[in-house]
């Protein structure tokens, strides 16, 4: 019989019922399902997210064909990498054009659906690096037809968006990503505009991006987690009508709890006009160490794109960790990605070397101690059966043991 756990996504009361975490080699694979939350009040609608261990869950999947605003498989989660844009905003993390191209090639090997290649306004060198990535990595179609979307970011103004398009238009699948702040504190103190002005700018900039010939436009609502819900529903509806293909809900300052963030995504799905014609995305910052948990909560509530960075690098405390999010979805089942986990360690080592941002020894998945066991009790269990203390096999991320006691050495391929 399947063992199950449920997470009720409600505004004030959330209960967690833990369930066993199976090994990747286990015959048990949990499946996530989404059920309507019974309520006499039709708005806002809520969801109950349940996870169960299903013996018949498929162990392998094919990446769905890419359509900007639609994913044919409801269990597929697109993975968007922002290492080269938000990641490089980490203090001290400066990359050369060659290093950016090397990293972009490695991101393509990993199988990212979308690679955000940078910010062309930073310098002429950044603009040329973006253009090179669009031409080379953005046209590297593999034997299965996969080629990453190359995305470029710019703030909401015509000159910047046009510059972004000039850099990315050479890719086979180009995307423009633009954003505006929507929380009261940002609108009042940073933008110094009215909500009506913000709405007008939003509509016009999405339309302008589409008018350039770009049929894949992502719009982000900065500080969405602290924004008024009704204003979010209104501005999202306008963005959809203007032609956006992906709506990104940033957890900009990292203050939202996973239950709250999951509820935010559920409420957006339930209350935004035209939401069925677009992909909901999340971008979670790590100020309170919750970026991975919030990204997973968003996916469980219906977001079908997660924005992440290698080694969790990014502004302030960083972004959601690619390796944590991908491996969590792989372990917990139901939802799946197109990431080739065999290339995780190589990508982590490359980003660490190029940026000079060292990975903690005890960091999940890619830290030097992540699969090391020194406790005598743990080593005893490992020698008898590795599933006693490891839910992930090191081989899944291309690591090899140096001894049966559990010490691990990285092997780069």
Foldseek 3Di string as FASTA:
>chain_A
DKDKWKWWQDQPDTDTDDDDQAALPDLWAKAKDWDWDDDPDLPLTTIMIMIITDSPADQDDDQADDDQQDGPDLQEFAEEECCQAQQCQFVQFDFALVLLLVLLQLVVVQPHQEYASYECVPDVRSLQSLLVCQQPQLADQDPVRDGHEYEYEDEQDLVRLVSRCVRNVNGPQYEYEYEDEAAPCCCVPPVVHDLVVVLVSLLVRLLSNVVVVHQEYEYEHACLLRHDLVSVLVSVLSNVVSRHAEYEYEQHQQPDAQSSLLRSLLSSVRRHPPSSRHAYEYKYACNPDCQLSNRVSVVSSRHRYYYAYDLQGGPDRGTHHPQSNQVVCSRNDNHHYPTQLLSNQVSNVSSCVRRVPDRDLCDDPHHQCNFADDDPVQLVVQLVPVRVPDSYDNVSNQWDAPDSSGHIDHDHD
